[in-house]
N, C-alpha and C. Protein backbone atom coordinates (compact mmCIF):
# COMPACT_ATOMS: atom_id res chain seq x y z
N MET A 1 -14.67 6.00 17.36
CA MET A 1 -13.96 4.86 16.76
C MET A 1 -14.04 4.90 15.24
N ALA A 2 -15.20 5.31 14.72
CA ALA A 2 -15.37 5.37 13.27
C ALA A 2 -14.40 6.37 12.65
N ILE A 3 -14.18 7.48 13.32
CA ILE A 3 -13.25 8.49 12.80
C ILE A 3 -11.82 7.94 12.80
N ALA A 4 -11.45 7.25 13.87
CA ALA A 4 -10.11 6.66 13.94
C ALA A 4 -9.91 5.63 12.83
N ALA A 5 -10.94 4.83 12.56
CA ALA A 5 -10.85 3.82 11.50
C ALA A 5 -10.67 4.49 10.14
N MET A 6 -11.44 5.55 9.91
CA MET A 6 -11.34 6.25 8.63
C MET A 6 -9.98 6.92 8.47
N ILE A 7 -9.50 7.56 9.51
CA ILE A 7 -8.18 8.20 9.46
C ILE A 7 -7.10 7.17 9.17
N MET A 8 -7.18 6.05 9.84
CA MET A 8 -6.16 5.01 9.64
C MET A 8 -6.21 4.47 8.20
N ALA A 9 -7.40 4.27 7.68
CA ALA A 9 -7.54 3.79 6.29
C ALA A 9 -6.99 4.83 5.31
N ILE A 10 -7.24 6.10 5.58
CA ILE A 10 -6.71 7.16 4.72
C ILE A 10 -5.18 7.16 4.78
N LEU A 11 -4.62 6.95 5.97
CA LEU A 11 -3.16 6.88 6.08
C LEU A 11 -2.59 5.72 5.27
N VAL A 12 -3.28 4.59 5.28
CA VAL A 12 -2.84 3.44 4.47
C VAL A 12 -2.88 3.83 2.98
N ALA A 13 -3.94 4.50 2.57
CA ALA A 13 -4.04 4.93 1.17
C ALA A 13 -2.93 5.92 0.81
N VAL A 14 -2.67 6.87 1.69
CA VAL A 14 -1.60 7.85 1.44
C VAL A 14 -0.26 7.13 1.32
N GLU A 15 -0.02 6.16 2.20
CA GLU A 15 1.23 5.41 2.12
C GLU A 15 1.37 4.72 0.76
N HIS A 16 0.27 4.17 0.26
CA HIS A 16 0.35 3.47 -1.02
C HIS A 16 0.45 4.44 -2.20
N PHE A 17 -0.09 5.64 -2.07
CA PHE A 17 0.17 6.66 -3.10
C PHE A 17 1.65 7.04 -3.09
N PHE A 18 2.24 7.11 -1.90
CA PHE A 18 3.67 7.41 -1.82
C PHE A 18 4.48 6.29 -2.49
N ILE A 19 4.10 5.04 -2.23
CA ILE A 19 4.80 3.91 -2.85
C ILE A 19 4.63 3.97 -4.37
N LEU A 20 3.43 4.32 -4.83
CA LEU A 20 3.21 4.50 -6.27
C LEU A 20 4.20 5.51 -6.82
N TRP A 21 4.29 6.66 -6.19
CA TRP A 21 5.20 7.71 -6.65
C TRP A 21 6.65 7.20 -6.66
N LEU A 22 7.04 6.54 -5.58
CA LEU A 22 8.42 6.07 -5.47
C LEU A 22 8.73 5.04 -6.55
N GLU A 23 7.83 4.09 -6.76
CA GLU A 23 8.10 3.01 -7.71
C GLU A 23 7.91 3.43 -9.17
N MET A 24 6.96 4.31 -9.44
CA MET A 24 6.68 4.68 -10.83
C MET A 24 7.52 5.86 -11.33
N PHE A 25 7.77 6.81 -10.47
CA PHE A 25 8.38 8.05 -10.93
C PHE A 25 9.74 8.35 -10.31
N ASN A 26 10.15 7.58 -9.33
CA ASN A 26 11.40 7.85 -8.64
C ASN A 26 12.15 6.54 -8.35
N ALA A 27 11.93 5.55 -9.20
CA ALA A 27 12.43 4.20 -8.93
C ALA A 27 13.95 4.10 -8.89
N ASP A 28 14.64 4.97 -9.61
CA ASP A 28 16.10 4.85 -9.65
C ASP A 28 16.79 5.84 -8.71
N SER A 29 16.06 6.32 -7.72
CA SER A 29 16.62 7.30 -6.78
C SER A 29 17.34 6.61 -5.62
N GLU A 30 18.10 7.41 -4.90
CA GLU A 30 18.77 6.92 -3.69
C GLU A 30 17.73 6.51 -2.65
N MET A 31 16.62 7.26 -2.58
CA MET A 31 15.56 6.94 -1.64
C MET A 31 14.97 5.55 -1.93
N ALA A 32 14.74 5.26 -3.20
CA ALA A 32 14.20 3.95 -3.57
C ALA A 32 15.21 2.85 -3.28
N ALA A 33 16.47 3.10 -3.58
CA ALA A 33 17.51 2.10 -3.30
C ALA A 33 17.54 1.76 -1.82
N LYS A 34 17.45 2.78 -0.99
CA LYS A 34 17.46 2.56 0.45
C LYS A 34 16.17 1.87 0.92
N ALA A 35 15.04 2.33 0.40
CA ALA A 35 13.75 1.77 0.81
C ALA A 35 13.61 0.30 0.44
N PHE A 36 14.12 -0.05 -0.73
CA PHE A 36 13.94 -1.42 -1.22
C PHE A 36 15.16 -2.30 -1.02
N GLY A 37 16.24 -1.72 -0.49
CA GLY A 37 17.44 -2.50 -0.24
C GLY A 37 18.05 -3.06 -1.50
N VAL A 38 18.00 -2.28 -2.57
CA VAL A 38 18.49 -2.70 -3.87
C VAL A 38 19.55 -1.70 -4.33
N PRO A 39 20.65 -2.17 -4.92
CA PRO A 39 21.66 -1.23 -5.41
C PRO A 39 21.07 -0.29 -6.46
N ARG A 40 21.44 0.97 -6.39
CA ARG A 40 20.92 1.97 -7.31
C ARG A 40 21.24 1.63 -8.76
N LYS A 41 22.39 1.02 -8.97
CA LYS A 41 22.80 0.59 -10.31
C LYS A 41 21.75 -0.34 -10.92
N LEU A 42 21.24 -1.25 -10.12
CA LEU A 42 20.21 -2.18 -10.58
C LEU A 42 18.91 -1.43 -10.90
N LEU A 43 18.57 -0.45 -10.07
CA LEU A 43 17.34 0.31 -10.27
C LEU A 43 17.35 1.15 -11.54
N LYS A 44 18.53 1.42 -12.09
CA LYS A 44 18.64 2.21 -13.31
C LYS A 44 18.40 1.37 -14.57
N MET A 45 18.38 0.05 -14.42
CA MET A 45 18.14 -0.82 -15.57
C MET A 45 16.71 -0.64 -16.06
N PRO A 46 16.51 -0.48 -17.38
CA PRO A 46 15.15 -0.26 -17.91
C PRO A 46 14.16 -1.37 -17.53
N GLU A 47 14.64 -2.61 -17.52
CA GLU A 47 13.74 -3.73 -17.18
C GLU A 47 13.28 -3.63 -15.73
N VAL A 48 14.17 -3.24 -14.85
CA VAL A 48 13.83 -3.11 -13.43
C VAL A 48 12.90 -1.93 -13.22
N LYS A 49 13.16 -0.83 -13.92
CA LYS A 49 12.27 0.34 -13.82
C LYS A 49 10.86 -0.03 -14.28
N THR A 50 10.77 -0.85 -15.32
CA THR A 50 9.46 -1.29 -15.81
C THR A 50 8.74 -2.13 -14.75
N LEU A 51 9.48 -3.04 -14.13
CA LEU A 51 8.88 -3.88 -13.09
C LEU A 51 8.42 -3.03 -11.90
N PHE A 52 9.24 -2.08 -11.49
CA PHE A 52 8.88 -1.21 -10.38
C PHE A 52 7.67 -0.36 -10.74
N GLY A 53 7.62 0.11 -11.98
CA GLY A 53 6.47 0.89 -12.41
C GLY A 53 5.18 0.10 -12.33
N ASN A 54 5.26 -1.17 -12.71
CA ASN A 54 4.09 -2.05 -12.63
C ASN A 54 3.66 -2.24 -11.17
N GLN A 55 4.62 -2.47 -10.30
CA GLN A 55 4.31 -2.60 -8.86
C GLN A 55 3.68 -1.32 -8.33
N GLY A 56 4.21 -0.19 -8.74
CA GLY A 56 3.67 1.09 -8.28
C GLY A 56 2.23 1.27 -8.70
N LEU A 57 1.91 0.85 -9.92
CA LEU A 57 0.55 0.96 -10.40
C LEU A 57 -0.41 0.16 -9.52
N TYR A 58 -0.02 -1.04 -9.15
CA TYR A 58 -0.86 -1.87 -8.28
C TYR A 58 -1.04 -1.22 -6.90
N ASN A 59 0.01 -0.62 -6.38
CA ASN A 59 -0.11 0.09 -5.11
C ASN A 59 -1.09 1.26 -5.24
N GLY A 60 -1.06 1.92 -6.38
CA GLY A 60 -2.02 2.99 -6.63
C GLY A 60 -3.45 2.48 -6.67
N PHE A 61 -3.66 1.32 -7.28
CA PHE A 61 -5.00 0.73 -7.31
C PHE A 61 -5.51 0.44 -5.90
N LEU A 62 -4.62 -0.05 -5.04
CA LEU A 62 -5.02 -0.30 -3.65
C LEU A 62 -5.42 1.00 -2.96
N ALA A 63 -4.63 2.05 -3.17
CA ALA A 63 -4.93 3.34 -2.55
C ALA A 63 -6.26 3.89 -3.04
N VAL A 64 -6.47 3.87 -4.34
CA VAL A 64 -7.71 4.37 -4.91
C VAL A 64 -8.89 3.53 -4.41
N GLY A 65 -8.70 2.22 -4.33
CA GLY A 65 -9.76 1.35 -3.84
C GLY A 65 -10.18 1.69 -2.42
N ILE A 66 -9.21 1.96 -1.57
CA ILE A 66 -9.52 2.33 -0.18
C ILE A 66 -10.30 3.64 -0.15
N LEU A 67 -9.82 4.64 -0.86
CA LEU A 67 -10.51 5.94 -0.87
C LEU A 67 -11.89 5.82 -1.51
N TYR A 68 -12.00 5.06 -2.57
CA TYR A 68 -13.29 4.81 -3.23
C TYR A 68 -14.27 4.18 -2.25
N SER A 69 -13.78 3.21 -1.48
CA SER A 69 -14.65 2.52 -0.52
C SER A 69 -15.14 3.46 0.57
N LEU A 70 -14.34 4.46 0.90
CA LEU A 70 -14.72 5.39 1.97
C LEU A 70 -15.68 6.47 1.50
N TRP A 71 -15.52 6.94 0.25
CA TRP A 71 -16.26 8.13 -0.17
C TRP A 71 -17.22 7.94 -1.34
N VAL A 72 -17.16 6.81 -2.03
CA VAL A 72 -18.02 6.63 -3.19
C VAL A 72 -19.00 5.47 -3.01
N VAL A 73 -18.54 4.39 -2.44
CA VAL A 73 -19.38 3.22 -2.24
C VAL A 73 -20.52 3.58 -1.27
N PRO A 74 -21.74 3.14 -1.57
CA PRO A 74 -22.86 3.42 -0.66
C PRO A 74 -22.57 2.93 0.76
N ALA A 75 -23.10 3.64 1.74
CA ALA A 75 -22.81 3.38 3.16
C ALA A 75 -23.02 1.92 3.55
N ALA A 76 -24.05 1.29 3.00
CA ALA A 76 -24.36 -0.09 3.38
C ALA A 76 -23.23 -1.06 3.01
N ALA A 77 -22.46 -0.74 1.98
CA ALA A 77 -21.40 -1.63 1.52
C ALA A 77 -20.01 -1.09 1.83
N SER A 78 -19.91 0.12 2.30
CA SER A 78 -18.63 0.79 2.47
C SER A 78 -17.65 0.02 3.36
N THR A 79 -18.12 -0.42 4.51
CA THR A 79 -17.22 -1.13 5.43
C THR A 79 -16.70 -2.41 4.81
N GLY A 80 -17.56 -3.17 4.17
CA GLY A 80 -17.14 -4.42 3.54
C GLY A 80 -16.11 -4.20 2.45
N VAL A 81 -16.31 -3.18 1.63
CA VAL A 81 -15.37 -2.90 0.55
C VAL A 81 -14.05 -2.39 1.13
N THR A 82 -14.12 -1.56 2.16
CA THR A 82 -12.91 -1.08 2.81
C THR A 82 -12.13 -2.25 3.40
N LEU A 83 -12.82 -3.15 4.08
CA LEU A 83 -12.15 -4.32 4.64
C LEU A 83 -11.50 -5.17 3.55
N PHE A 84 -12.16 -5.27 2.41
CA PHE A 84 -11.58 -6.03 1.30
C PHE A 84 -10.26 -5.43 0.86
N PHE A 85 -10.23 -4.11 0.62
CA PHE A 85 -8.99 -3.49 0.16
C PHE A 85 -7.90 -3.52 1.23
N LEU A 86 -8.28 -3.35 2.48
CA LEU A 86 -7.28 -3.46 3.55
C LEU A 86 -6.74 -4.89 3.64
N ALA A 87 -7.60 -5.87 3.43
CA ALA A 87 -7.15 -7.27 3.41
C ALA A 87 -6.19 -7.51 2.24
N CYS A 88 -6.46 -6.89 1.09
CA CYS A 88 -5.54 -7.00 -0.05
C CYS A 88 -4.17 -6.45 0.30
N VAL A 89 -4.15 -5.32 1.00
CA VAL A 89 -2.88 -4.73 1.43
C VAL A 89 -2.16 -5.70 2.37
N MET A 90 -2.90 -6.29 3.30
CA MET A 90 -2.27 -7.21 4.26
C MET A 90 -1.71 -8.45 3.56
N VAL A 91 -2.44 -8.99 2.60
CA VAL A 91 -1.95 -10.15 1.84
C VAL A 91 -0.68 -9.78 1.07
N ALA A 92 -0.71 -8.61 0.43
CA ALA A 92 0.47 -8.15 -0.29
C ALA A 92 1.66 -7.96 0.65
N ALA A 93 1.40 -7.47 1.86
CA ALA A 93 2.47 -7.26 2.84
C ALA A 93 3.05 -8.60 3.31
N VAL A 94 2.21 -9.58 3.52
CA VAL A 94 2.70 -10.90 3.92
C VAL A 94 3.56 -11.50 2.81
N TYR A 95 3.07 -11.41 1.57
CA TYR A 95 3.84 -11.93 0.45
C TYR A 95 5.16 -11.18 0.28
N GLY A 96 5.09 -9.87 0.33
CA GLY A 96 6.30 -9.05 0.21
C GLY A 96 7.29 -9.32 1.31
N SER A 97 6.78 -9.55 2.50
CA SER A 97 7.66 -9.85 3.63
C SER A 97 8.34 -11.20 3.46
N ALA A 98 7.62 -12.14 2.89
CA ALA A 98 8.18 -13.48 2.68
C ALA A 98 9.15 -13.53 1.52
N THR A 99 8.97 -12.66 0.53
CA THR A 99 9.76 -12.78 -0.69
C THR A 99 10.76 -11.65 -0.91
N ALA A 100 10.51 -10.47 -0.33
CA ALA A 100 11.38 -9.32 -0.64
C ALA A 100 12.10 -8.78 0.59
N SER A 101 11.34 -8.32 1.57
CA SER A 101 11.94 -7.70 2.75
C SER A 101 11.04 -7.92 3.96
N LYS A 102 11.63 -8.38 5.03
CA LYS A 102 10.86 -8.65 6.25
C LYS A 102 10.16 -7.39 6.78
N SER A 103 10.74 -6.23 6.52
CA SER A 103 10.18 -4.99 7.07
C SER A 103 8.83 -4.62 6.45
N ILE A 104 8.49 -5.19 5.30
CA ILE A 104 7.23 -4.86 4.64
C ILE A 104 6.04 -5.21 5.53
N ILE A 105 6.15 -6.27 6.29
CA ILE A 105 5.04 -6.67 7.15
C ILE A 105 4.73 -5.59 8.19
N VAL A 106 5.74 -4.88 8.63
CA VAL A 106 5.54 -3.81 9.61
C VAL A 106 5.15 -2.51 8.92
N VAL A 107 5.88 -2.16 7.88
CA VAL A 107 5.70 -0.86 7.22
C VAL A 107 4.35 -0.78 6.50
N GLN A 108 3.96 -1.85 5.81
CA GLN A 108 2.70 -1.83 5.07
C GLN A 108 1.60 -2.65 5.74
N GLY A 109 1.98 -3.78 6.30
CA GLY A 109 0.97 -4.68 6.86
C GLY A 109 0.37 -4.19 8.17
N LEU A 110 1.21 -3.67 9.06
CA LEU A 110 0.72 -3.25 10.37
C LEU A 110 -0.30 -2.11 10.29
N PRO A 111 -0.04 -1.04 9.53
CA PRO A 111 -1.07 0.00 9.43
C PRO A 111 -2.39 -0.52 8.85
N ALA A 112 -2.30 -1.40 7.86
CA ALA A 112 -3.51 -1.97 7.28
C ALA A 112 -4.24 -2.84 8.31
N LEU A 113 -3.50 -3.60 9.09
CA LEU A 113 -4.11 -4.43 10.13
C LEU A 113 -4.80 -3.58 11.19
N ILE A 114 -4.16 -2.51 11.59
CA ILE A 114 -4.77 -1.60 12.58
C ILE A 114 -6.06 -1.02 12.03
N ALA A 115 -6.03 -0.54 10.79
CA ALA A 115 -7.24 0.00 10.17
C ALA A 115 -8.32 -1.07 10.07
N PHE A 116 -7.93 -2.27 9.68
CA PHE A 116 -8.86 -3.39 9.56
C PHE A 116 -9.56 -3.66 10.89
N VAL A 117 -8.79 -3.77 11.94
CA VAL A 117 -9.35 -4.04 13.27
C VAL A 117 -10.26 -2.90 13.71
N LEU A 118 -9.84 -1.66 13.47
CA LEU A 118 -10.69 -0.52 13.83
C LEU A 118 -12.02 -0.56 13.10
N PHE A 119 -12.02 -0.94 11.83
CA PHE A 119 -13.28 -1.06 11.09
C PHE A 119 -14.15 -2.19 11.62
N LEU A 120 -13.54 -3.26 12.07
CA LEU A 120 -14.31 -4.35 12.67
C LEU A 120 -14.96 -3.92 13.98
N LEU A 121 -14.34 -3.00 14.69
CA LEU A 121 -14.86 -2.55 15.98
C LEU A 121 -15.93 -1.47 15.85
N VAL A 122 -16.08 -0.92 14.66
CA VAL A 122 -17.08 0.15 14.46
C VAL A 122 -18.46 -0.43 14.41
């Protein structure tokens, strides 16, 4: 069970690194337009690119936090710190689902919830 929890948490981190890349370095692409349901013309605006870059940075912090909690934080605190970062992802997914796109709750929130539950069962 511990291995499954760790793998799932790593997958959540990888997903957020992908979101970082998409929002910070590929924000005006067709892929981003499709992923975020926003016209590509809008994504080419400098102000929008700046906002997406900022969002991407926060997604990167979540990813780094999860990996940090797994491999750097001492074992006694590792689970608690991992649960904290997974909870942050879930809160962000709920907010994003309520304000931006309903699919965020499934795409980002569900993997984080699965990892969270697996860590609780370890």
